[in-house]
N, C-alpha and C. Protein backbone atom coordinates (compact mmCIF):
# COMPACT_ATOMS: atom_id res chain seq x y z
N UNK A 1 -0.02 13.72 -2.40
CA UNK A 1 0.29 12.25 -2.60
C UNK A 1 -0.24 11.24 -1.73
N UNK A 2 -0.22 11.79 -0.41
CA UNK A 2 -1.35 11.18 0.59
C UNK A 2 -2.35 10.74 0.38
N UNK A 3 -3.02 11.94 -0.50
CA UNK A 3 -4.42 11.61 -0.38
C UNK A 3 -4.61 10.69 -1.52
N UNK A 4 -3.65 10.24 -2.44
CA UNK A 4 -3.89 9.25 -3.53
C UNK A 4 -3.37 7.82 -2.75
N UNK A 5 -3.02 7.82 -1.62
CA UNK A 5 -2.77 6.63 -0.97
C UNK A 5 -4.02 6.47 -0.13
N UNK A 6 -4.64 7.64 0.36
CA UNK A 6 -5.50 7.55 1.22
C UNK A 6 -6.89 7.14 0.24
N UNK A 7 -7.17 7.82 -0.76
CA UNK A 7 -8.23 7.16 -1.71
C UNK A 7 -7.81 5.57 -1.98
N UNK A 8 -7.01 5.26 -2.32
CA UNK A 8 -6.25 4.33 -2.96
C UNK A 8 -7.28 3.01 -1.85
N UNK A 9 -6.62 3.25 -0.61
CA UNK A 9 -6.74 2.21 0.86
C UNK A 9 -8.43 2.52 1.33
N UNK A 10 -8.88 3.81 0.91
CA UNK A 10 -10.43 3.68 0.63
C UNK A 10 -11.18 2.94 0.28
N UNK A 11 -10.95 2.82 -1.08
CA UNK A 11 -11.48 1.98 -2.22
C UNK A 11 -11.50 0.89 -1.90
N UNK A 12 -10.05 0.13 -1.43
CA UNK A 12 -9.58 -1.23 -1.25
C UNK A 12 -10.71 -1.64 -0.18
N UNK A 13 -10.73 -1.01 0.91
CA UNK A 13 -11.38 -1.28 2.04
C UNK A 13 -13.24 -1.18 1.67
N UNK A 14 -13.42 -0.36 0.90
CA UNK A 14 -14.94 -0.69 0.28
C UNK A 14 -15.28 -1.86 -0.40
N UNK A 15 -14.28 -2.33 -1.26
CA UNK A 15 -14.15 -3.49 -2.31
C UNK A 15 -14.29 -4.79 -1.20
N UNK A 16 -13.55 -4.53 0.14
CA UNK A 16 -13.32 -5.71 0.97
C UNK A 16 -14.80 -5.79 1.67
N UNK A 17 -15.50 -4.57 2.11
CA UNK A 17 -16.65 -4.63 2.86
C UNK A 17 -18.09 -4.98 2.14
N UNK A 18 -17.81 -4.71 0.63
CA UNK A 18 -18.84 -5.11 -0.09
C UNK A 18 -18.71 -6.52 -0.47
N UNK A 19 -17.60 -7.21 -0.58
CA UNK A 19 -17.48 -8.35 -1.32
C UNK A 19 -18.29 -9.37 -0.69
N UNK A 20 -18.46 -9.28 0.53
CA UNK A 20 -19.30 -10.77 0.84
C UNK A 20 -18.35 -11.94 1.14
N UNK A 21 -17.05 -11.79 0.86
CA UNK A 21 -16.24 -13.07 1.06
C UNK A 21 -16.01 -13.09 2.35
N UNK A 22 -15.67 -14.36 2.93
CA UNK A 22 -15.33 -14.89 4.15
C UNK A 22 -13.71 -14.53 4.33
N UNK A 23 -13.22 -14.02 3.74
CA UNK A 23 -12.03 -13.60 3.88
C UNK A 23 -11.67 -12.15 3.34
N UNK A 24 -10.80 -11.48 3.74
CA UNK A 24 -10.10 -10.16 3.62
C UNK A 24 -9.53 -9.79 2.55
N UNK A 25 -10.15 -8.73 1.79
CA UNK A 25 -8.96 -8.33 0.75
C UNK A 25 -8.22 -7.19 1.20
N UNK A 26 -6.99 -6.71 0.38
CA UNK A 26 -6.59 -5.86 1.13
C UNK A 26 -5.17 -5.93 -0.07
N UNK A 27 -4.38 -4.68 -0.13
CA UNK A 27 -3.40 -4.27 -1.25
C UNK A 27 -2.29 -3.15 -0.35
N UNK A 28 -1.32 -3.36 -0.67
CA UNK A 28 -0.24 -2.62 -0.27
C UNK A 28 0.39 -1.54 -1.69
N UNK A 29 0.50 -0.50 -1.13
CA UNK A 29 1.44 0.22 -2.35
C UNK A 29 2.36 1.29 -2.02
N UNK A 30 3.15 1.56 -3.24
CA UNK A 30 4.02 2.25 -2.87
C UNK A 30 3.99 3.34 -3.91
N UNK A 31 4.13 4.61 -3.52
CA UNK A 31 3.89 5.89 -4.45
C UNK A 31 4.84 6.95 -4.62
N UNK A 32 5.50 7.27 -5.37
CA UNK A 32 6.89 8.20 -5.50
C UNK A 32 6.38 9.36 -6.65
N UNK A 33 6.70 10.53 -6.25
CA UNK A 33 6.45 11.41 -7.15
C UNK A 33 7.72 12.40 -7.42
N UNK A 34 8.49 11.97 -8.48
CA UNK A 34 9.58 12.69 -9.05
C UNK A 34 9.74 13.04 -10.57
N UNK A 35 10.43 13.84 -11.01
CA UNK A 35 10.64 14.25 -12.40
C UNK A 35 11.63 13.13 -12.96
N UNK A 36 11.58 12.47 -14.01
CA UNK A 36 12.45 11.50 -14.55
C UNK A 36 12.98 12.29 -15.41
N UNK A 37 14.68 11.73 -15.64
CA UNK A 37 15.34 12.63 -16.32
C UNK A 37 16.13 11.55 -17.34
N UNK A 38 15.98 10.16 -17.18
CA UNK A 38 16.63 9.05 -17.89
C UNK A 38 16.26 7.76 -17.39
N UNK A 39 16.61 6.81 -18.41
CA UNK A 39 16.51 5.38 -17.96
C UNK A 39 17.13 4.98 -16.63
N UNK A 40 18.41 5.36 -16.10
CA UNK A 40 18.81 5.19 -14.65
C UNK A 40 17.64 6.15 -13.76
N UNK A 41 17.07 6.83 -13.47
CA UNK A 41 16.31 7.69 -12.97
C UNK A 41 14.81 6.66 -12.69
N UNK A 42 14.44 6.17 -13.91
CA UNK A 42 13.22 5.23 -13.94
C UNK A 42 13.56 4.10 -12.80
N UNK A 43 14.75 3.65 -13.16
CA UNK A 43 14.97 2.25 -12.18
C UNK A 43 15.10 2.70 -10.80
N UNK A 44 15.70 3.88 -10.52
CA UNK A 44 15.56 4.39 -9.13
C UNK A 44 14.45 4.67 -8.40
N UNK A 45 13.52 5.21 -9.43
CA UNK A 45 12.07 5.41 -8.87
C UNK A 45 11.67 4.15 -8.46
N UNK A 46 11.60 3.16 -9.31
CA UNK A 46 10.72 2.23 -9.05
C UNK A 46 11.51 1.39 -8.11
N UNK A 47 12.79 1.25 -7.70
CA UNK A 47 13.23 1.04 -6.49
C UNK A 47 12.75 1.64 -5.35
N UNK A 48 12.47 3.01 -5.44
CA UNK A 48 12.04 3.82 -4.16
C UNK A 48 10.39 3.33 -3.88
N UNK A 49 9.60 3.03 -5.08
CA UNK A 49 8.10 2.81 -4.75
C UNK A 49 8.18 1.56 -4.34
N UNK A 50 9.13 0.66 -4.78
CA UNK A 50 9.19 -0.86 -4.60
C UNK A 50 9.57 -0.69 -2.72
N UNK A 51 10.51 -0.07 -2.27
CA UNK A 51 11.07 -0.09 -0.99
C UNK A 51 9.40 0.52 -0.34
N UNK A 52 8.72 1.58 -0.41
CA UNK A 52 7.52 2.05 -0.13
C UNK A 52 6.73 1.05 0.04
N UNK A 53 6.43 0.32 -0.80
CA UNK A 53 5.30 -0.64 -0.81
C UNK A 53 5.48 -1.62 0.27
N UNK A 54 7.07 -2.04 0.35
CA UNK A 54 7.27 -3.10 1.05
C UNK A 54 7.12 -2.82 2.55
N UNK A 55 7.50 -1.47 3.31
CA UNK A 55 7.32 -0.70 4.17
C UNK A 55 5.87 -0.67 4.54
N UNK A 56 4.64 -0.42 3.62
CA UNK A 56 3.39 -0.46 3.47
C UNK A 56 2.87 -1.63 4.53
N UNK A 57 3.69 -2.81 3.22
CA UNK A 57 2.73 -4.31 3.85
C UNK A 57 3.45 -4.51 5.06
N UNK A 58 4.85 -4.31 5.38
CA UNK A 58 5.23 -4.74 6.98
C UNK A 58 4.28 -3.63 7.87
N UNK A 59 4.19 -2.28 7.56
CA UNK A 59 3.30 -1.61 8.65
C UNK A 59 1.72 -2.46 8.87
N UNK A 60 1.23 -2.92 7.68
CA UNK A 60 -0.22 -3.38 7.77
C UNK A 60 -0.05 -4.53 8.43
N UNK A 61 0.88 -5.36 8.32
CA UNK A 61 0.90 -6.76 8.86
C UNK A 61 1.27 -6.16 10.62
N UNK A 62 2.08 -5.49 10.77
CA UNK A 62 1.98 -4.83 12.61
C UNK A 62 0.87 -4.43 12.70
N UNK A 63 0.10 -3.84 12.18
CA UNK A 63 -1.03 -3.35 12.61
C UNK A 63 -2.18 -4.69 12.83
N UNK A 64 -2.11 -5.64 11.98
CA UNK A 64 -2.86 -6.85 11.90
C UNK A 64 -2.59 -7.44 13.15
N UNK A 65 -1.38 -7.96 13.51
CA UNK A 65 -0.90 -8.59 14.47
C UNK A 65 -1.08 -7.93 15.65
N UNK A 66 -0.94 -6.56 15.87
CA UNK A 66 -1.46 -5.77 17.25
C UNK A 66 -3.14 -6.28 17.41
N UNK A 67 -4.07 -5.94 16.16
CA UNK A 67 -5.31 -6.10 16.50
C UNK A 67 -5.66 -7.39 17.21
N UNK A 68 -5.06 -8.54 16.42
CA UNK A 68 -4.95 -9.89 16.59
C UNK A 68 -4.49 -10.14 18.37
N UNK A 69 -3.64 -9.59 18.61
CA UNK A 69 -3.41 -9.98 20.07
C UNK A 69 -4.45 -9.22 21.40
N UNK A 70 -4.69 -7.90 20.54
CA UNK A 70 -5.87 -7.47 21.61
C UNK A 70 -6.92 -8.04 21.59
N UNK A 71 -7.04 -9.02 20.86
CA UNK A 71 -8.70 -9.87 20.80
C UNK A 71 -8.81 -11.08 21.65
């Protein structure tokens, strides 16, 4: 699953480099891999994926803040 996220981030980074835009392009993602047994499972899994996405977003913002502080 980590390879999926790594590939996603690599693709977004490539788009960012190739865009030629004066601003950065980025995205956050949340990936969960579980067997679904019913509607309640879907809601639970979507919540987990959403939590993962927000954790990824928070980590990204921390890295940007640290990078800006060092510059």
